[in-house]
């Protein structure tokens, strides 16, 4: 069983890393001594409700995120059990594996692309980055006018906030796409 202090320690490190703050920066924003924060992150100390509340506010998270144990979660999506959404203009289909949860800004898809007309995508929200891993076949993908050719196991990341395309170079091309919205 995990102790309350271990839960708090792990949560503080996780949330501080998530927002990219140094120990000093977080301590200053929360009005907490750096030594106190250091002790808490190392699993020592005896934090007051006020200290934890100040840290939660400085991290912009609910108080509960610092004190509740996160239950391990497992979600499995079996191949072929998610509906494919097909393009009207290209032999391109995507199945969303995971929608962006509240507070996060990403979506995860699997792609099935056939040779033919390329899927031309308009620019998405400013700051969008597309992460693509090819699992089968060959794909020409990336920003216009210079997409790159990718094969099985290849990874590419590119700006999704400019026009871009996906074009299968082999039948039954498949990929995993993570869209990161900044």
N, C-alpha and C. Protein backbone atom coordinates (compact mmCIF):
# COMPACT_ATOMS: atom_id res chain seq x y z
N UNK A 1 0.84 -1.19 0.00
CA UNK A 1 0.00 0.00 0.00
C UNK A 1 0.88 1.25 0.00
N UNK A 2 0.50 2.23 -0.77
CA UNK A 2 1.26 3.46 -0.89
C UNK A 2 0.82 4.43 0.21
N UNK A 3 1.80 5.03 0.88
CA UNK A 3 1.49 5.98 1.95
C UNK A 3 1.03 7.31 1.36
N UNK A 4 0.28 8.11 2.13
CA UNK A 4 -0.15 9.43 1.64
C UNK A 4 1.03 10.31 1.22
N UNK A 5 2.12 10.26 1.96
CA UNK A 5 3.28 11.08 1.62
C UNK A 5 3.93 10.62 0.31
N UNK A 6 3.93 9.31 0.04
CA UNK A 6 4.45 8.80 -1.24
C UNK A 6 3.57 9.27 -2.40
N UNK A 7 2.28 9.30 -2.18
CA UNK A 7 1.34 9.77 -3.22
C UNK A 7 1.60 11.24 -3.50
N UNK A 8 1.72 12.04 -2.45
CA UNK A 8 1.96 13.48 -2.60
C UNK A 8 3.30 13.71 -3.29
N UNK A 9 4.33 13.00 -2.87
CA UNK A 9 5.66 13.14 -3.44
C UNK A 9 5.63 12.88 -4.95
N UNK A 10 5.06 11.76 -5.34
CA UNK A 10 4.99 11.40 -6.77
C UNK A 10 4.15 12.41 -7.55
N UNK A 11 3.05 12.85 -6.96
CA UNK A 11 2.16 13.81 -7.65
C UNK A 11 2.86 15.15 -7.86
N UNK A 12 3.57 15.62 -6.86
CA UNK A 12 4.26 16.90 -7.00
C UNK A 12 5.32 16.84 -8.10
N UNK A 13 6.11 15.78 -8.13
CA UNK A 13 7.14 15.63 -9.17
C UNK A 13 6.48 15.54 -10.55
N UNK A 14 5.43 14.73 -10.64
CA UNK A 14 4.75 14.53 -11.93
C UNK A 14 4.18 15.84 -12.45
N UNK A 15 3.47 16.56 -11.58
CA UNK A 15 2.82 17.79 -12.02
C UNK A 15 3.82 18.92 -12.28
N UNK A 16 4.87 18.98 -11.51
CA UNK A 16 5.90 20.00 -11.74
C UNK A 16 6.59 19.74 -13.08
N UNK A 17 6.90 18.47 -13.35
CA UNK A 17 7.50 18.10 -14.65
C UNK A 17 6.54 18.41 -15.80
N UNK A 18 5.25 18.14 -15.59
CA UNK A 18 4.25 18.37 -16.63
C UNK A 18 4.22 19.83 -17.07
N UNK A 19 4.33 20.76 -16.11
CA UNK A 19 4.27 22.18 -16.47
C UNK A 19 5.65 22.78 -16.72
N UNK A 20 6.71 21.99 -16.50
CA UNK A 20 8.06 22.44 -16.82
C UNK A 20 8.63 23.48 -15.87
N UNK A 21 8.29 23.37 -14.59
CA UNK A 21 8.82 24.32 -13.61
C UNK A 21 9.97 23.69 -12.83
N UNK A 22 10.95 24.53 -12.48
CA UNK A 22 12.00 24.06 -11.59
C UNK A 22 11.46 24.05 -10.17
N UNK A 23 12.17 23.42 -9.29
CA UNK A 23 11.81 23.40 -7.87
C UNK A 23 11.71 24.82 -7.35
N UNK A 24 12.69 25.65 -7.69
CA UNK A 24 12.70 27.05 -7.23
C UNK A 24 11.51 27.83 -7.76
N UNK A 25 11.20 27.64 -9.04
CA UNK A 25 10.08 28.38 -9.65
C UNK A 25 8.76 28.01 -8.99
N UNK A 26 8.53 26.71 -8.77
CA UNK A 26 7.28 26.29 -8.14
C UNK A 26 7.20 26.80 -6.71
N UNK A 27 8.28 26.69 -5.97
CA UNK A 27 8.29 27.17 -4.59
C UNK A 27 7.94 28.65 -4.54
N UNK A 28 8.54 29.43 -5.42
CA UNK A 28 8.27 30.87 -5.47
C UNK A 28 6.81 31.15 -5.80
N UNK A 29 6.27 30.49 -6.83
CA UNK A 29 4.88 30.71 -7.23
C UNK A 29 3.90 30.33 -6.12
N UNK A 30 4.24 29.29 -5.36
CA UNK A 30 3.34 28.82 -4.30
C UNK A 30 3.56 29.54 -2.97
N UNK A 31 4.65 30.30 -2.87
CA UNK A 31 4.95 30.96 -1.60
C UNK A 31 5.38 29.95 -0.54
N UNK A 32 6.08 28.91 -0.96
CA UNK A 32 6.53 27.83 -0.09
C UNK A 32 8.06 27.82 -0.13
N UNK A 33 8.68 27.54 0.99
CA UNK A 33 10.14 27.44 1.01
C UNK A 33 10.60 26.34 0.08
N UNK A 34 11.68 26.61 -0.65
CA UNK A 34 12.23 25.62 -1.57
C UNK A 34 12.60 24.34 -0.81
N UNK A 35 13.14 24.49 0.40
CA UNK A 35 13.53 23.32 1.19
C UNK A 35 12.31 22.47 1.55
N UNK A 36 11.18 23.12 1.82
CA UNK A 36 9.94 22.39 2.13
C UNK A 36 9.49 21.59 0.91
N UNK A 37 9.50 22.24 -0.24
CA UNK A 37 9.08 21.56 -1.47
C UNK A 37 10.04 20.41 -1.79
N UNK A 38 11.32 20.63 -1.61
CA UNK A 38 12.30 19.58 -1.85
C UNK A 38 12.05 18.37 -0.95
N UNK A 39 11.76 18.63 0.32
CA UNK A 39 11.45 17.53 1.25
C UNK A 39 10.20 16.78 0.81
N UNK A 40 9.18 17.52 0.42
CA UNK A 40 7.93 16.87 0.00
C UNK A 40 8.15 15.99 -1.23
N UNK A 41 8.91 16.49 -2.19
CA UNK A 41 9.16 15.71 -3.40
C UNK A 41 10.03 14.49 -3.12
N UNK A 42 10.82 14.53 -2.05
CA UNK A 42 11.66 13.38 -1.72
C UNK A 42 10.95 12.42 -0.77
N UNK A 43 9.68 12.73 -0.44
CA UNK A 43 8.90 11.82 0.40
C UNK A 43 9.06 12.06 1.88
N UNK A 44 9.59 13.21 2.24
CA UNK A 44 9.76 13.56 3.66
C UNK A 44 8.85 14.75 3.99
N UNK A 45 8.80 15.10 5.26
CA UNK A 45 8.02 16.27 5.66
C UNK A 45 6.61 15.91 6.07
N UNK A 46 5.89 16.93 6.46
CA UNK A 46 4.52 16.78 6.92
C UNK A 46 3.73 17.98 6.41
N UNK A 47 3.25 17.93 5.17
CA UNK A 47 2.64 19.11 4.57
C UNK A 47 1.29 19.45 5.19
N UNK A 48 1.04 20.74 5.31
CA UNK A 48 -0.27 21.20 5.77
C UNK A 48 -1.21 21.28 4.57
N UNK A 49 -2.48 21.37 4.86
CA UNK A 49 -3.48 21.56 3.81
C UNK A 49 -3.18 22.85 3.06
N UNK A 50 -2.79 23.88 3.79
CA UNK A 50 -2.51 25.17 3.15
C UNK A 50 -1.34 25.08 2.18
N UNK A 51 -0.30 24.34 2.56
CA UNK A 51 0.86 24.17 1.68
C UNK A 51 0.46 23.42 0.42
N UNK A 52 -0.26 22.33 0.59
CA UNK A 52 -0.69 21.55 -0.58
C UNK A 52 -1.63 22.36 -1.46
N UNK A 53 -2.50 23.13 -0.85
CA UNK A 53 -3.44 23.96 -1.62
C UNK A 53 -2.66 25.00 -2.43
N UNK A 54 -1.68 25.65 -1.82
CA UNK A 54 -0.88 26.65 -2.53
C UNK A 54 -0.14 26.01 -3.70
N UNK A 55 0.39 24.81 -3.49
CA UNK A 55 1.09 24.10 -4.57
C UNK A 55 0.13 23.73 -5.70
N UNK A 56 -1.07 23.26 -5.34
CA UNK A 56 -2.06 22.92 -6.37
C UNK A 56 -2.43 24.14 -7.21
N UNK A 57 -2.62 25.28 -6.55
CA UNK A 57 -2.96 26.51 -7.27
C UNK A 57 -1.80 26.90 -8.19
N UNK A 58 -0.57 26.84 -7.68
CA UNK A 58 0.59 27.21 -8.49
C UNK A 58 0.77 26.27 -9.68
N UNK A 59 0.37 25.01 -9.52
CA UNK A 59 0.48 24.03 -10.61
C UNK A 59 -0.74 24.04 -11.52
N UNK A 60 -1.78 24.79 -11.12
CA UNK A 60 -3.04 24.87 -11.87
C UNK A 60 -3.69 23.50 -12.02
N UNK A 61 -3.76 22.79 -10.88
CA UNK A 61 -4.42 21.48 -10.84
C UNK A 61 -5.38 21.45 -9.66
N UNK A 62 -6.40 20.60 -9.71
CA UNK A 62 -7.26 20.44 -8.54
C UNK A 62 -6.46 19.88 -7.36
N UNK A 63 -6.83 20.27 -6.16
CA UNK A 63 -6.18 19.78 -4.94
C UNK A 63 -6.12 18.26 -4.93
N UNK A 64 -7.19 17.63 -5.38
CA UNK A 64 -7.27 16.16 -5.36
C UNK A 64 -6.15 15.51 -6.16
N UNK A 65 -5.64 16.18 -7.20
CA UNK A 65 -4.59 15.60 -8.03
C UNK A 65 -3.31 15.37 -7.23
N UNK A 66 -3.15 16.11 -6.12
CA UNK A 66 -1.94 15.97 -5.31
C UNK A 66 -2.08 14.94 -4.19
N UNK A 67 -3.31 14.56 -3.85
CA UNK A 67 -3.49 13.69 -2.68
C UNK A 67 -4.15 12.35 -2.97
N UNK A 68 -4.75 12.20 -4.13
CA UNK A 68 -5.41 10.93 -4.45
C UNK A 68 -4.48 10.04 -5.25
N UNK A 69 -4.47 8.78 -4.90
CA UNK A 69 -3.67 7.81 -5.64
C UNK A 69 -4.33 7.56 -6.98
N UNK A 70 -3.54 7.64 -8.02
CA UNK A 70 -4.06 7.39 -9.37
C UNK A 70 -4.08 5.89 -9.60
N UNK A 71 -5.26 5.41 -9.92
CA UNK A 71 -5.39 3.97 -10.20
C UNK A 71 -4.80 3.68 -11.57
N UNK A 72 -4.01 2.61 -11.66
CA UNK A 72 -3.49 2.24 -12.99
C UNK A 72 -4.67 1.96 -13.92
N UNK A 73 -4.56 2.45 -15.13
CA UNK A 73 -5.63 2.25 -16.09
C UNK A 73 -5.09 1.51 -17.31
N UNK A 74 -5.91 0.66 -17.82
CA UNK A 74 -5.58 -0.06 -19.04
C UNK A 74 -6.79 0.02 -19.95
N UNK A 75 -6.56 0.45 -21.16
CA UNK A 75 -7.63 0.50 -22.15
C UNK A 75 -7.11 -0.20 -23.38
N UNK A 76 -7.83 -1.19 -23.86
CA UNK A 76 -7.44 -1.94 -25.04
C UNK A 76 -8.46 -1.69 -26.14
N UNK A 77 -7.97 -1.39 -27.32
CA UNK A 77 -8.83 -1.28 -28.50
C UNK A 77 -8.34 -2.33 -29.47
N UNK A 78 -9.15 -3.34 -29.68
CA UNK A 78 -8.77 -4.44 -30.58
C UNK A 78 -8.86 -3.98 -32.03
N UNK A 79 -7.93 -4.47 -32.83
CA UNK A 79 -7.90 -4.14 -34.25
C UNK A 79 -9.24 -4.46 -34.89
N UNK A 80 -9.75 -3.52 -35.65
CA UNK A 80 -11.01 -3.72 -36.36
C UNK A 80 -12.26 -3.44 -35.54
N UNK A 81 -12.09 -3.03 -34.28
CA UNK A 81 -13.26 -2.79 -33.42
C UNK A 81 -13.58 -1.31 -33.28
N UNK A 82 -12.91 -0.46 -34.04
CA UNK A 82 -13.19 0.97 -34.03
C UNK A 82 -13.61 1.37 -35.44
N UNK A 83 -14.70 2.11 -35.55
CA UNK A 83 -15.15 2.47 -36.90
C UNK A 83 -14.15 3.35 -37.63
N UNK A 84 -13.96 3.05 -38.91
CA UNK A 84 -13.10 3.86 -39.77
C UNK A 84 -13.93 5.00 -40.33
N UNK A 85 -13.37 6.18 -40.33
CA UNK A 85 -14.00 7.34 -40.94
C UNK A 85 -13.23 7.61 -42.22
N UNK A 86 -13.93 7.53 -43.34
CA UNK A 86 -13.29 7.59 -44.65
C UNK A 86 -13.33 9.00 -45.24
N UNK A 87 -12.29 9.30 -46.00
CA UNK A 87 -12.22 10.56 -46.73
C UNK A 87 -13.15 10.50 -47.93
N UNK A 88 -13.73 11.63 -48.29
CA UNK A 88 -14.57 11.70 -49.50
C UNK A 88 -13.71 11.86 -50.75
N UNK A 89 -12.46 12.31 -50.58
CA UNK A 89 -11.65 12.71 -51.73
C UNK A 89 -10.42 11.85 -51.98
N UNK A 90 -10.13 10.89 -51.09
CA UNK A 90 -8.91 10.10 -51.24
C UNK A 90 -9.13 8.73 -50.60
N UNK A 91 -8.36 7.72 -51.00
CA UNK A 91 -8.46 6.39 -50.38
C UNK A 91 -7.75 6.40 -49.03
N UNK A 92 -8.34 7.08 -48.07
CA UNK A 92 -7.76 7.36 -46.76
C UNK A 92 -8.84 7.15 -45.72
N UNK A 93 -8.50 6.43 -44.64
CA UNK A 93 -9.46 6.23 -43.56
C UNK A 93 -8.71 6.32 -42.23
N UNK A 94 -9.39 6.84 -41.21
CA UNK A 94 -8.79 6.97 -39.88
C UNK A 94 -9.76 6.45 -38.84
N UNK A 95 -9.22 5.78 -37.84
CA UNK A 95 -10.02 5.33 -36.70
C UNK A 95 -9.41 5.97 -35.46
N UNK A 96 -10.22 6.69 -34.69
CA UNK A 96 -9.71 7.33 -33.49
C UNK A 96 -9.58 6.29 -32.39
N UNK A 97 -8.37 6.15 -31.87
CA UNK A 97 -8.12 5.20 -30.79
C UNK A 97 -8.33 5.84 -29.43
N UNK A 98 -8.02 7.12 -29.33
CA UNK A 98 -8.13 7.80 -28.05
C UNK A 98 -8.38 9.28 -28.29
N UNK A 99 -9.50 9.75 -27.81
CA UNK A 99 -9.81 11.17 -27.92
C UNK A 99 -9.05 11.92 -26.83
N UNK A 100 -8.87 13.17 -27.05
CA UNK A 100 -8.12 14.00 -26.12
C UNK A 100 -8.93 14.20 -24.83
N UNK A 101 -8.39 13.74 -23.68
CA UNK A 101 -9.12 13.95 -22.44
C UNK A 101 -9.04 15.41 -22.00
N UNK A 102 -9.95 15.80 -21.12
CA UNK A 102 -9.96 17.16 -20.61
C UNK A 102 -8.60 17.50 -20.04
N UNK A 103 -8.09 18.65 -20.42
CA UNK A 103 -6.80 19.10 -19.93
C UNK A 103 -5.64 18.69 -20.81
N UNK A 104 -5.77 17.63 -21.57
CA UNK A 104 -4.71 17.22 -22.49
C UNK A 104 -5.07 17.77 -23.86
N UNK A 105 -4.12 17.76 -24.76
CA UNK A 105 -4.39 18.30 -26.08
C UNK A 105 -3.76 17.42 -27.14
N UNK A 106 -4.33 16.19 -27.27
CA UNK A 106 -3.82 15.27 -28.29
C UNK A 106 -4.92 14.29 -28.65
N UNK A 107 -4.82 13.75 -29.85
CA UNK A 107 -5.72 12.71 -30.33
C UNK A 107 -4.86 11.64 -30.98
N UNK A 108 -5.27 10.37 -30.82
CA UNK A 108 -4.52 9.25 -31.36
C UNK A 108 -5.37 8.51 -32.38
N UNK A 109 -4.80 8.27 -33.57
CA UNK A 109 -5.53 7.62 -34.67
C UNK A 109 -4.71 6.49 -35.26
N UNK A 110 -5.38 5.55 -35.91
CA UNK A 110 -4.71 4.62 -36.82
C UNK A 110 -5.21 4.97 -38.21
N UNK A 111 -4.31 4.89 -39.17
CA UNK A 111 -4.64 5.26 -40.55
C UNK A 111 -4.54 4.05 -41.46
N UNK A 112 -5.44 3.98 -42.42
CA UNK A 112 -5.38 3.03 -43.51
C UNK A 112 -5.44 3.84 -44.80
N UNK A 113 -4.41 3.69 -45.62
CA UNK A 113 -4.32 4.52 -46.82
C UNK A 113 -4.02 3.61 -48.01
N UNK A 114 -4.73 3.85 -49.11
CA UNK A 114 -4.54 3.09 -50.35
C UNK A 114 -3.97 4.01 -51.41
N UNK A 115 -3.24 3.47 -52.39
CA UNK A 115 -2.74 4.30 -53.49
C UNK A 115 -3.90 4.97 -54.22
N UNK A 116 -3.64 6.11 -54.75
CA UNK A 116 -4.65 6.91 -55.45
C UNK A 116 -4.44 8.37 -55.13
N UNK A 117 -5.51 9.13 -55.21
CA UNK A 117 -5.39 10.56 -54.89
C UNK A 117 -4.89 10.75 -53.46
N UNK A 118 -3.96 11.69 -53.26
CA UNK A 118 -3.48 11.93 -51.90
C UNK A 118 -4.55 12.57 -51.03
N UNK A 119 -4.47 12.34 -49.75
CA UNK A 119 -5.33 13.03 -48.78
C UNK A 119 -4.64 14.36 -48.49
N UNK A 120 -5.26 15.44 -48.92
CA UNK A 120 -4.70 16.77 -48.70
C UNK A 120 -5.43 17.38 -47.50
N UNK A 121 -4.66 17.70 -46.48
CA UNK A 121 -5.25 18.24 -45.25
C UNK A 121 -4.96 19.73 -45.16
N UNK A 122 -5.98 20.47 -44.80
CA UNK A 122 -5.81 21.90 -44.56
C UNK A 122 -5.06 22.09 -43.25
N UNK A 123 -4.59 23.29 -43.01
CA UNK A 123 -3.89 23.60 -41.77
C UNK A 123 -4.84 23.42 -40.58
N UNK A 124 -4.33 22.83 -39.50
CA UNK A 124 -5.08 22.67 -38.27
C UNK A 124 -4.80 23.86 -37.36
N UNK A 125 -5.22 23.78 -36.11
CA UNK A 125 -5.01 24.85 -35.15
C UNK A 125 -3.53 25.24 -35.07
N UNK A 126 -3.23 26.52 -34.85
CA UNK A 126 -1.83 26.94 -34.72
C UNK A 126 -1.12 26.12 -33.64
N UNK A 127 0.10 25.71 -33.94
CA UNK A 127 0.90 24.94 -32.99
C UNK A 127 0.70 23.44 -33.06
N UNK A 128 -0.21 22.97 -33.91
CA UNK A 128 -0.45 21.53 -34.02
C UNK A 128 0.78 20.84 -34.59
N UNK A 129 1.15 19.71 -33.97
CA UNK A 129 2.25 18.88 -34.47
C UNK A 129 1.68 17.49 -34.70
N UNK A 130 2.00 16.90 -35.85
CA UNK A 130 1.56 15.54 -36.15
C UNK A 130 2.75 14.60 -36.03
N UNK A 131 2.56 13.53 -35.26
CA UNK A 131 3.58 12.50 -35.06
C UNK A 131 3.07 11.25 -35.77
N UNK A 132 3.87 10.71 -36.67
CA UNK A 132 3.43 9.62 -37.53
C UNK A 132 4.43 8.47 -37.49
N UNK A 133 3.92 7.25 -37.26
CA UNK A 133 4.75 6.05 -37.29
C UNK A 133 4.12 5.10 -38.31
N UNK A 134 4.91 4.68 -39.29
CA UNK A 134 4.41 3.78 -40.33
C UNK A 134 4.51 2.34 -39.81
N UNK A 135 3.41 1.60 -39.91
CA UNK A 135 3.42 0.21 -39.44
C UNK A 135 3.42 -0.78 -40.60
N UNK A 136 2.97 -0.36 -41.78
CA UNK A 136 2.98 -1.25 -42.96
C UNK A 136 2.90 -0.39 -44.22
N UNK A 137 3.55 -0.84 -45.27
CA UNK A 137 3.49 -0.13 -46.54
C UNK A 137 4.45 1.04 -46.60
N UNK A 138 4.20 1.93 -47.56
CA UNK A 138 5.03 3.13 -47.73
C UNK A 138 4.09 4.31 -47.91
N UNK A 139 4.50 5.45 -47.34
CA UNK A 139 3.64 6.63 -47.33
C UNK A 139 4.47 7.86 -47.64
N UNK A 140 3.93 8.73 -48.46
CA UNK A 140 4.49 10.05 -48.70
C UNK A 140 3.67 10.99 -47.82
N UNK A 141 4.32 11.61 -46.84
CA UNK A 141 3.56 12.42 -45.89
C UNK A 141 4.37 13.62 -45.44
N UNK A 142 3.64 14.65 -45.04
CA UNK A 142 4.27 15.84 -44.48
C UNK A 142 3.75 17.11 -45.11
N UNK A 143 4.36 18.22 -44.71
CA UNK A 143 3.90 19.52 -45.20
C UNK A 143 4.13 19.69 -46.70
N UNK A 144 3.19 20.39 -47.33
CA UNK A 144 3.37 20.75 -48.73
C UNK A 144 4.39 21.88 -48.78
N UNK A 145 5.22 21.98 -49.74
CA UNK A 145 5.26 21.20 -50.96
C UNK A 145 6.29 20.07 -50.92
N UNK A 146 6.80 19.72 -49.72
CA UNK A 146 7.89 18.74 -49.70
C UNK A 146 7.67 17.63 -48.67
N UNK A 147 6.64 16.77 -48.89
CA UNK A 147 6.46 15.63 -47.99
C UNK A 147 7.62 14.65 -48.15
N UNK A 148 7.76 13.73 -47.19
CA UNK A 148 8.85 12.75 -47.23
C UNK A 148 8.29 11.35 -47.38
N UNK A 149 9.10 10.46 -47.95
CA UNK A 149 8.71 9.06 -48.09
C UNK A 149 9.09 8.31 -46.82
N UNK A 150 8.14 7.54 -46.29
CA UNK A 150 8.33 6.80 -45.05
C UNK A 150 7.96 5.34 -45.26
N UNK A 151 8.68 4.45 -44.56
CA UNK A 151 8.40 3.02 -44.62
C UNK A 151 8.18 2.46 -43.23
N UNK A 152 7.94 1.15 -43.14
CA UNK A 152 7.64 0.52 -41.85
C UNK A 152 8.68 0.84 -40.78
N UNK A 153 8.18 1.29 -39.63
CA UNK A 153 9.04 1.65 -38.51
C UNK A 153 9.53 3.08 -38.54
N UNK A 154 9.39 3.77 -39.68
CA UNK A 154 9.83 5.16 -39.75
C UNK A 154 8.89 6.06 -38.95
N UNK A 155 9.48 7.09 -38.37
CA UNK A 155 8.74 8.09 -37.58
C UNK A 155 9.01 9.45 -38.19
N UNK A 156 7.98 10.27 -38.27
CA UNK A 156 8.14 11.66 -38.71
C UNK A 156 7.25 12.53 -37.84
N UNK A 157 7.73 13.71 -37.53
CA UNK A 157 6.94 14.72 -36.83
C UNK A 157 6.97 15.96 -37.70
N UNK A 158 5.81 16.58 -37.88
CA UNK A 158 5.77 17.77 -38.72
C UNK A 158 4.66 18.71 -38.28
N UNK A 159 4.78 19.94 -38.71
CA UNK A 159 3.78 20.96 -38.38
C UNK A 159 2.47 20.61 -39.06
N UNK A 160 1.42 20.51 -38.25
CA UNK A 160 0.10 20.25 -38.80
C UNK A 160 -0.69 21.53 -39.00
N UNK A 161 -0.06 22.67 -38.70
CA UNK A 161 -0.75 23.95 -38.85
C UNK A 161 -0.44 24.62 -40.19
N UNK A 162 0.01 23.79 -41.14
CA UNK A 162 0.20 24.21 -42.52
C UNK A 162 -0.41 23.12 -43.40
N UNK A 163 -0.75 23.41 -44.64
CA UNK A 163 -1.28 22.35 -45.50
C UNK A 163 -0.30 21.19 -45.60
N UNK A 164 -0.84 19.96 -45.56
CA UNK A 164 0.00 18.77 -45.60
C UNK A 164 -0.76 17.64 -46.28
N UNK A 165 -0.05 16.54 -46.55
CA UNK A 165 -0.73 15.45 -47.25
C UNK A 165 -0.23 14.09 -46.80
N UNK A 166 -1.07 13.10 -47.16
CA UNK A 166 -0.78 11.68 -46.95
C UNK A 166 -1.07 10.99 -48.28
N UNK A 167 -0.08 10.24 -48.78
CA UNK A 167 -0.27 9.54 -50.06
C UNK A 167 0.37 8.16 -49.96
N UNK A 168 -0.45 7.12 -50.09
CA UNK A 168 0.07 5.76 -50.04
C UNK A 168 0.86 5.46 -51.31
N UNK A 169 2.02 4.83 -51.13
CA UNK A 169 2.84 4.42 -52.26
C UNK A 169 2.73 2.91 -52.48
N UNK A 170 2.09 2.21 -51.52
CA UNK A 170 1.85 0.77 -51.61
C UNK A 170 0.44 0.49 -51.10
N UNK A 171 -0.19 -0.58 -51.58
CA UNK A 171 -1.51 -0.95 -51.06
C UNK A 171 -1.43 -1.27 -49.56
N UNK A 172 -2.54 -1.05 -48.89
CA UNK A 172 -2.70 -1.40 -47.48
C UNK A 172 -1.66 -0.76 -46.57
N UNK A 173 -1.35 0.49 -46.85
CA UNK A 173 -0.42 1.23 -46.00
C UNK A 173 -1.14 1.60 -44.71
N UNK A 174 -0.45 1.39 -43.59
CA UNK A 174 -1.03 1.66 -42.27
C UNK A 174 -0.04 2.49 -41.46
N UNK A 175 -0.62 3.32 -40.57
CA UNK A 175 0.22 4.16 -39.72
C UNK A 175 -0.53 4.51 -38.44
N UNK A 176 0.23 4.93 -37.46
CA UNK A 176 -0.32 5.47 -36.21
C UNK A 176 -0.02 6.97 -36.24
N UNK A 177 -1.04 7.77 -35.97
CA UNK A 177 -0.92 9.22 -35.98
C UNK A 177 -1.32 9.79 -34.64
N UNK A 178 -0.42 10.54 -34.03
CA UNK A 178 -0.72 11.27 -32.81
C UNK A 178 -0.73 12.75 -33.18
N UNK A 179 -1.88 13.38 -33.00
CA UNK A 179 -2.00 14.81 -33.26
C UNK A 179 -1.89 15.53 -31.92
N UNK A 180 -0.87 16.37 -31.82
CA UNK A 180 -0.59 17.11 -30.60
C UNK A 180 -1.02 18.56 -30.84
N UNK A 181 -1.93 19.03 -30.01
CA UNK A 181 -2.43 20.40 -30.14
C UNK A 181 -1.84 21.24 -29.02
N UNK A 182 -0.97 22.16 -29.37
CA UNK A 182 -0.29 22.98 -28.37
C UNK A 182 -1.21 24.07 -27.88
